[in-house]
Amino acid sequence: MLLASTTASALQAAGFIGTWDTDVPAGRSVLDLGAASVLAGNPGLVGKPVPLDVALARIHPEDRDRVFGTIRDLRQTGGPVALEFRILTRTGETRWILNQGLLAPAETGRLHGRGTYIDITNLYGRSGPQRDGGAVPTEHLDAAADHCVQLHIALERHGDASLRRMAGMLLLGIGRALAQRAS
């Protein structure tokens, strides 16, 4: 079993930034410290329900319409979230972010979402992914990550601590593989 400090450092090494939790009908997301600091640019927003444009305040202007449009569509239909986009840091640096999660009906029947942000800049370099015959993410690993996020969410609802730990370890392993696949 991994110690909490080992898990945290492994996630950080894999590019893990933070998490989001969205009440879809209310149009509000709650960010953890990493997501609030990096994506919103304001650590004071931790735990506070904020609209999408505030939660993603640092998204690159060229990616805003595509990302916000995709998220608006997902908020209508639900389903897995898998988006790559750029952000501009406080210092003006461009970083590539992978947003993965799931929007699904909660026990109340209302659409609810949870997911993570991972910095994938090191996978592609500063220019980002190249889809015209260049480096493309391994589709099978991406699919495994999507399924594992869904599995982890389902096991959280199920409540079995042992199964949740195993799913967490699997997510960690997939995160490591995602971080190393460009090497």
Protein backbone atom coordinates (compact mmCIF):
# COMPACT_ATOMS: atom_id res chain seq x y z
CA MET A 1 0.00 0.00 0.00
CA LEU A 2 1.31 3.45 -0.89
CA LEU A 3 1.72 6.08 1.79
CA ALA A 4 -0.15 9.32 1.26
CA SER A 5 3.14 11.22 0.80
CA THR A 6 4.29 8.70 -1.82
CA THR A 7 0.99 8.96 -3.68
CA ALA A 8 1.06 12.75 -3.62
CA SER A 9 4.61 12.94 -4.97
CA ALA A 10 3.84 10.31 -7.63
CA LEU A 11 0.77 12.24 -8.77
CA GLN A 12 2.76 15.46 -8.87
CA ALA A 13 5.48 13.77 -10.92
CA ALA A 14 2.79 12.51 -13.33
CA GLY A 15 1.58 16.08 -13.90
CA PHE A 16 -1.53 15.93 -11.72
CA ILE A 17 -2.82 19.45 -11.10
CA GLY A 18 -6.13 19.10 -9.34
CA THR A 19 -9.80 18.16 -9.42
CA TRP A 20 -13.16 19.62 -10.34
CA ASP A 21 -16.64 18.77 -9.11
CA THR A 22 -19.57 20.21 -11.08
CA ASP A 23 -23.23 20.72 -10.29
CA VAL A 24 -24.36 20.77 -13.92
CA PRO A 25 -27.88 22.26 -13.53
CA ALA A 26 -26.48 25.06 -11.36
CA GLY A 27 -23.65 25.66 -13.86
CA ARG A 28 -21.09 25.80 -11.06
CA SER A 29 -17.84 23.93 -10.43
CA VAL A 30 -15.92 23.48 -7.21
CA LEU A 31 -12.13 23.30 -7.58
CA ASP A 32 -9.47 21.96 -5.24
CA LEU A 33 -6.37 24.01 -4.46
CA GLY A 34 -4.36 22.86 -7.49
CA ALA A 35 -7.14 23.48 -9.99
CA ALA A 36 -8.08 26.83 -8.44
CA SER A 37 -4.46 27.98 -8.51
CA VAL A 38 -3.48 26.75 -11.97
CA LEU A 39 -6.72 26.82 -14.02
CA ALA A 40 -8.61 29.68 -12.37
CA GLY A 41 -5.49 31.56 -11.29
CA ASN A 42 -6.98 32.20 -7.86
CA PRO A 43 -6.29 29.87 -4.90
CA GLY A 44 -8.93 31.81 -2.94
CA LEU A 45 -11.61 30.03 -4.98
CA VAL A 46 -10.94 26.62 -3.38
CA GLY A 47 -14.20 24.94 -2.43
CA LYS A 48 -16.39 27.76 -3.74
CA PRO A 49 -18.95 27.10 -6.51
CA VAL A 50 -17.83 29.16 -9.52
CA PRO A 51 -19.07 29.48 -13.13
CA LEU A 52 -17.14 27.84 -15.96
CA ASP A 53 -15.52 31.05 -17.21
CA VAL A 54 -14.08 31.66 -13.72
CA ALA A 55 -13.00 28.02 -13.23
CA LEU A 56 -11.14 28.12 -16.56
CA ALA A 57 -10.00 31.74 -16.46
CA ARG A 58 -6.49 30.90 -17.71
CA ILE A 59 -7.56 28.93 -20.79
CA HIS A 60 -5.74 30.07 -23.93
CA PRO A 61 -7.87 32.49 -26.01
CA GLU A 62 -7.50 30.31 -29.13
CA ASP A 63 -8.89 27.28 -27.26
CA ARG A 64 -11.76 28.98 -25.39
CA ASP A 65 -14.56 28.60 -27.96
CA ARG A 66 -13.78 24.94 -28.69
CA VAL A 67 -13.43 23.93 -25.04
CA PHE A 68 -16.39 25.93 -23.74
CA GLY A 69 -18.55 24.64 -26.62
CA THR A 70 -17.60 21.04 -25.91
CA ILE A 71 -18.32 21.48 -22.20
CA ARG A 72 -21.68 23.15 -22.94
CA ASP A 73 -22.61 20.17 -25.16
CA LEU A 74 -21.54 17.69 -22.47
CA ARG A 75 -23.62 19.54 -19.90
CA GLN A 76 -26.65 18.78 -22.10
CA THR A 77 -25.97 15.10 -22.74
CA GLY A 78 -23.59 13.91 -20.01
CA GLY A 79 -20.83 11.41 -20.68
CA PRO A 80 -17.06 11.13 -20.45
CA VAL A 81 -14.94 14.28 -20.54
CA ALA A 82 -11.61 14.13 -22.37
CA LEU A 83 -10.28 17.49 -23.50
CA GLU A 84 -6.81 18.80 -24.28
CA PHE A 85 -6.28 22.54 -24.22
CA ARG A 86 -3.72 25.21 -23.45
CA ILE A 87 -3.57 27.59 -20.53
CA LEU A 88 -1.51 30.71 -20.01
CA THR A 89 0.25 30.76 -16.65
CA ARG A 90 0.68 33.81 -14.46
CA THR A 91 4.09 34.34 -16.09
CA GLY A 92 2.69 34.02 -19.63
CA GLU A 93 3.99 30.49 -20.23
CA THR A 94 1.80 28.16 -22.32
CA ARG A 95 1.04 24.76 -20.77
CA TRP A 96 -1.00 21.85 -22.20
CA ILE A 97 -3.73 20.45 -19.94
CA LEU A 98 -5.68 17.19 -20.11
CA ASN A 99 -9.13 17.43 -18.53
CA GLN A 100 -10.67 14.01 -17.90
CA GLY A 101 -13.78 13.09 -15.99
CA LEU A 102 -17.41 12.11 -16.28
CA LEU A 103 -20.76 13.89 -16.24
CA ALA A 104 -23.45 11.46 -15.09
CA PRO A 105 -26.73 11.49 -13.16
CA ALA A 106 -26.20 11.59 -9.39
CA GLU A 107 -28.41 9.69 -6.95
CA THR A 108 -30.79 12.66 -7.06
CA GLY A 109 -31.11 12.29 -10.83
CA ARG A 110 -29.41 15.64 -11.44
CA LEU A 111 -26.43 15.64 -13.79
CA HIS A 112 -23.20 15.88 -11.80
CA GLY A 113 -19.57 15.77 -12.90
CA ARG A 114 -16.17 15.00 -11.46
CA GLY A 115 -12.76 14.97 -13.00
CA THR A 116 -9.12 15.90 -12.98
CA TYR A 117 -6.64 18.20 -14.66
CA ILE A 118 -3.23 16.87 -15.67
CA ASP A 119 -0.40 18.93 -17.13
CA ILE A 120 0.70 17.07 -20.29
CA THR A 121 3.09 19.70 -21.65
CA ASN A 122 6.03 17.32 -21.27
CA LEU A 123 4.32 14.75 -23.48
CA TYR A 124 4.41 17.00 -26.51
CA GLY A 125 6.79 19.83 -25.78
CA ARG A 126 5.68 23.43 -25.89
CA SER A 127 4.12 23.14 -29.36
CA GLY A 128 1.54 20.62 -28.15
CA PRO A 129 0.13 17.53 -29.82
CA GLN A 130 0.71 17.01 -33.52
CA ARG A 131 -2.04 15.14 -35.29
CA ASP A 132 -0.81 15.46 -38.86
CA GLY A 133 1.41 12.41 -38.91
CA GLY A 134 3.33 13.50 -35.82
CA ALA A 135 3.14 12.34 -32.23
CA VAL A 136 -0.39 11.25 -31.31
CA PRO A 137 -1.41 10.03 -27.86
CA THR A 138 -1.78 6.26 -27.62
CA GLU A 139 -5.51 5.74 -28.16
CA HIS A 140 -5.67 2.57 -26.07
CA LEU A 141 -4.08 4.23 -23.05
CA ASP A 142 -6.44 7.20 -23.39
CA ALA A 143 -9.42 4.82 -23.55
CA ALA A 144 -8.13 2.97 -20.48
CA ALA A 145 -7.85 6.28 -18.62
CA ASP A 146 -11.46 7.17 -19.54
CA HIS A 147 -12.73 3.78 -18.38
CA CYS A 148 -10.69 3.90 -15.20
CA VAL A 149 -12.12 7.31 -14.26
CA GLN A 150 -15.62 5.87 -14.74
CA LEU A 151 -14.67 2.80 -12.69
CA HIS A 152 -13.27 4.93 -9.90
CA ILE A 153 -16.44 7.06 -9.74
CA ALA A 154 -18.65 3.94 -9.69
CA LEU A 155 -16.58 2.40 -6.89
CA GLU A 156 -16.80 5.60 -4.86
CA ARG A 157 -20.59 5.21 -4.99
CA HIS A 158 -20.32 1.50 -4.16
CA GLY A 159 -18.33 2.25 -1.03
CA ASP A 160 -15.90 -0.70 -0.84
CA ALA A 161 -12.65 0.85 0.44
CA SER A 162 -10.46 -1.96 -0.86
CA LEU A 163 -11.83 -1.69 -4.39
CA ARG A 164 -11.51 2.12 -4.29
CA ARG A 165 -7.82 1.79 -3.31
CA MET A 166 -7.20 -0.63 -6.17
CA ALA A 167 -8.91 1.72 -8.64
CA GLY A 168 -6.81 4.58 -7.24
CA MET A 169 -3.64 2.57 -7.77
CA LEU A 170 -4.73 1.78 -11.33
CA LEU A 171 -5.37 5.48 -11.98
CA LEU A 172 -1.92 6.24 -10.61
CA GLY A 173 -0.36 3.64 -12.91
CA ILE A 174 -2.21 5.00 -15.94
CA GLY A 175 -1.12 8.51 -14.97
CA ARG A 176 2.49 7.39 -14.87
CA ALA A 177 2.15 5.69 -18.25
CA LEU A 178 0.58 8.84 -19.71
CA ALA A 179 3.47 10.88 -18.37
CA GLN A 180 6.08 8.49 -19.82
CA ARG A 181 4.56 7.57 -23.17
CA ALA A 182 6.28 10.36 -25.05
CA SER A 183 9.69 9.33 -23.75
